[in-house]
Amino acid sequence: FVEYVWTKPTDLRGRYPKLSYAKMVSGLDMWMGTGVYVDDVRSVVEAESTKQDAQIRRMILQFALLAVALLTAALLLGVYSGARISRPIVGLVQAVKRVSAGDYAARVEVGTNDELGELAEAFTQMAQSISQKIRDLVRSERYAERLLESVADGLVVTDVDNMIVRANPA
């Protein structure tokens, strides 16, 4: 490599730094080489650097847009999944509140075959069982009252503390 100054064929007014490479051709008494003007190299490097900076900015923008799109998709998927998961749980909570308020006809329809579906089915069976036991208890209580009223002799029923709970008309 050789550095020197040379007149450009396109600009004969001045002399410019040039970088050249030359090699002697074997078997001949001659040199062969090529050269480039240093300021041309700088302008090409600056132009390429400007292009690369623009490409990097474009890639960063594309990455940012992709990241925003992916985050938005993840957020929407999370909201959808959360609603899909919480909806049956909210229904189950409402049914529990109805049963605790005395509405034993409350039923839960989850429509899934997972653990939540099994819990809803067990809750529905529990509510049906409680409802049936209460009906049986009311029926037994009415039977006992009718039996107590039909006895011809006087009959008094007390609790554990000997407080009168019931007495028949006789």
Protein backbone atom coordinates (compact mmCIF):
# COMPACT_ATOMS: atom_id res chain seq x y z
CA PHE A 1 0.00 0.00 0.00
CA VAL A 2 1.25 3.43 -0.91
CA GLU A 3 -0.04 6.82 0.20
CA TYR A 4 0.52 9.90 -1.94
CA VAL A 5 -1.26 12.92 -3.42
CA TRP A 6 -2.52 12.94 -6.94
CA THR A 7 -4.65 15.02 -9.25
CA LYS A 8 -8.18 13.66 -9.78
CA PRO A 9 -9.24 13.20 -13.38
CA THR A 10 -12.57 14.83 -12.44
CA ASP A 11 -10.94 17.79 -10.65
CA LEU A 12 -7.71 19.07 -12.15
CA ARG A 13 -7.49 22.09 -9.80
CA GLY A 14 -6.03 20.33 -6.79
CA ARG A 15 -4.14 17.37 -5.56
CA TYR A 16 -5.82 14.84 -3.28
CA PRO A 17 -4.59 12.11 -0.97
CA LYS A 18 -4.68 8.71 -2.62
CA LEU A 19 -4.18 5.21 -1.29
CA SER A 20 -2.93 2.64 -3.76
CA TYR A 21 -1.90 -0.96 -3.89
CA ALA A 22 0.60 -2.18 -6.40
CA LYS A 23 2.38 -5.44 -7.08
CA MET A 24 5.13 -6.37 -9.49
CA VAL A 25 3.97 -8.74 -12.16
CA SER A 26 6.14 -11.85 -12.05
CA GLY A 27 8.21 -12.47 -15.15
CA LEU A 28 7.77 -8.89 -16.36
CA ASP A 29 9.43 -5.73 -15.36
CA MET A 30 6.19 -3.91 -14.59
CA TRP A 31 3.94 -3.03 -11.71
CA MET A 32 0.19 -3.39 -11.67
CA GLY A 33 -2.15 -1.84 -9.11
CA THR A 34 -5.19 0.18 -8.24
CA GLY A 35 -5.85 3.19 -6.10
CA VAL A 36 -8.59 5.18 -4.50
CA TYR A 37 -8.82 8.77 -3.43
CA VAL A 38 -9.12 9.01 0.35
CA ASP A 39 -11.80 11.73 0.28
CA ASP A 40 -13.88 9.53 -2.04
CA VAL A 41 -13.54 6.72 0.49
CA ARG A 42 -14.67 9.06 3.27
CA SER A 43 -17.71 10.21 1.30
CA VAL A 44 -18.64 6.61 0.44
CA VAL A 45 -18.18 5.53 4.07
CA GLU A 46 -20.27 8.49 5.28
CA ALA A 47 -23.01 7.71 2.74
CA GLU A 48 -23.03 4.04 3.76
CA SER A 49 -22.99 4.99 7.42
CA THR A 50 -25.99 7.26 6.85
CA LYS A 51 -27.82 4.41 5.07
CA GLN A 52 -26.97 2.00 7.89
CA ASP A 53 -28.16 4.50 10.53
CA ALA A 54 -31.45 4.87 8.64
CA GLN A 55 -31.81 1.09 8.42
CA ILE A 56 -31.07 0.71 12.14
CA ARG A 57 -33.68 3.35 12.99
CA ARG A 58 -36.21 1.57 10.74
CA MET A 59 -35.43 -1.78 12.37
CA ILE A 60 -35.80 -0.27 15.86
CA LEU A 61 -39.16 1.20 14.84
CA GLN A 62 -40.26 -2.15 13.41
CA PHE A 63 -39.13 -3.91 16.59
CA ALA A 64 -40.99 -1.38 18.75
CA LEU A 65 -44.17 -1.79 16.69
CA LEU A 66 -43.86 -5.57 16.86
CA ALA A 67 -43.30 -5.41 20.62
CA VAL A 68 -46.36 -3.18 21.06
CA ALA A 69 -48.43 -5.51 18.88
CA LEU A 70 -47.28 -8.58 20.83
CA LEU A 71 -47.90 -6.90 24.18
CA THR A 72 -51.36 -5.82 23.02
CA ALA A 73 -52.12 -9.35 21.85
CA ALA A 74 -50.87 -10.77 25.17
CA LEU A 75 -52.99 -8.27 27.09
CA LEU A 76 -56.10 -9.10 25.08
CA LEU A 77 -55.45 -12.81 25.46
CA GLY A 78 -54.97 -12.32 29.20
CA VAL A 79 -58.22 -10.37 29.53
CA TYR A 80 -60.09 -12.98 27.48
CA SER A 81 -58.60 -15.88 29.44
CA GLY A 82 -59.19 -14.13 32.75
CA ALA A 83 -62.83 -13.49 31.89
CA ARG A 84 -63.25 -17.06 30.69
CA ILE A 85 -61.77 -18.41 33.91
CA SER A 86 -63.44 -15.98 36.32
CA ARG A 87 -66.95 -16.14 34.83
CA PRO A 88 -67.65 -19.67 36.16
CA ILE A 89 -66.07 -18.78 39.51
CA VAL A 90 -68.31 -15.71 39.82
CA GLY A 91 -71.33 -17.89 38.98
CA LEU A 92 -70.30 -20.39 41.63
CA VAL A 93 -69.87 -17.62 44.24
CA GLN A 94 -73.33 -16.25 43.43
CA ALA A 95 -74.86 -19.70 43.79
CA VAL A 96 -73.10 -20.18 47.16
CA LYS A 97 -74.56 -16.87 48.36
CA ARG A 98 -78.04 -17.92 47.22
CA VAL A 99 -77.76 -21.23 49.09
CA SER A 100 -76.45 -19.49 52.20
CA ALA A 101 -79.51 -17.20 52.01
CA GLY A 102 -81.81 -20.25 51.95
CA ASP A 103 -82.40 -20.69 48.20
CA TYR A 104 -81.56 -24.38 47.92
CA ALA A 105 -82.76 -24.54 44.32
CA ALA A 106 -79.63 -22.67 43.20
CA ARG A 107 -77.78 -24.47 40.43
CA VAL A 108 -74.42 -23.83 38.80
CA GLU A 109 -73.90 -24.45 35.08
CA VAL A 110 -70.18 -24.08 34.29
CA GLY A 111 -70.03 -26.08 31.08
CA THR A 112 -66.43 -27.25 31.50
CA ASN A 113 -64.96 -30.67 32.19
CA ASP A 114 -62.10 -29.45 34.36
CA GLU A 115 -61.78 -29.17 38.13
CA LEU A 116 -64.05 -26.14 38.17
CA GLY A 117 -66.74 -28.12 36.35
CA GLU A 118 -66.40 -30.92 38.90
CA LEU A 119 -66.66 -28.37 41.74
CA ALA A 120 -69.80 -26.88 40.20
CA GLU A 121 -71.34 -30.34 39.79
CA ALA A 122 -70.49 -31.24 43.41
CA PHE A 123 -72.00 -27.94 44.59
CA THR A 124 -75.20 -28.59 42.61
CA GLN A 125 -75.46 -32.09 44.10
CA MET A 126 -74.85 -30.66 47.58
CA ALA A 127 -77.60 -28.04 47.12
CA GLN A 128 -80.01 -30.74 45.87
CA SER A 129 -79.13 -32.95 48.85
CA ILE A 130 -79.66 -30.10 51.32
CA SER A 131 -82.97 -29.25 49.65
CA GLN A 132 -84.12 -32.88 49.88
CA LYS A 133 -83.07 -33.16 53.55
CA ILE A 134 -84.93 -29.96 54.41
CA ARG A 135 -88.08 -31.25 52.64
CA ASP A 136 -87.76 -34.52 54.57
CA LEU A 137 -87.22 -32.62 57.83
CA VAL A 138 -90.26 -30.38 57.22
CA ARG A 139 -92.35 -33.43 56.36
CA SER A 140 -91.20 -35.19 59.56
CA GLU A 141 -91.89 -32.07 61.62
CA ARG A 142 -95.44 -31.76 60.20
CA TYR A 143 -96.02 -35.44 60.89
CA ALA A 144 -94.81 -35.00 64.46
CA GLU A 145 -97.09 -31.96 64.94
CA ARG A 146 -100.12 -33.85 63.60
CA LEU A 147 -99.23 -36.81 65.77
CA LEU A 148 -98.86 -34.54 68.82
CA GLU A 149 -102.24 -32.88 68.12
CA SER A 150 -103.99 -36.21 67.65
CA VAL A 151 -103.01 -37.61 71.05
CA ALA A 152 -106.02 -37.59 73.39
CA ASP A 153 -103.97 -37.18 76.54
CA GLY A 154 -102.12 -34.01 77.47
CA LEU A 155 -98.57 -34.03 76.23
CA VAL A 156 -95.80 -31.47 76.86
CA VAL A 157 -92.46 -31.48 75.00
CA THR A 158 -89.45 -29.80 76.67
CA ASP A 159 -85.90 -29.05 75.56
CA VAL A 160 -82.68 -29.98 77.36
CA ASP A 161 -83.14 -27.12 79.87
CA ASN A 162 -86.71 -28.30 80.64
CA MET A 163 -88.22 -25.34 78.81
CA ILE A 164 -91.56 -26.14 77.18
CA VAL A 165 -91.19 -26.35 73.42
CA ARG A 166 -94.60 -27.74 72.49
CA ALA A 167 -97.84 -28.87 74.07
CA ASN A 168 -100.83 -30.49 72.48
CA PRO A 169 -104.39 -29.04 72.83
CA ALA A 170 -105.45 -31.76 75.26
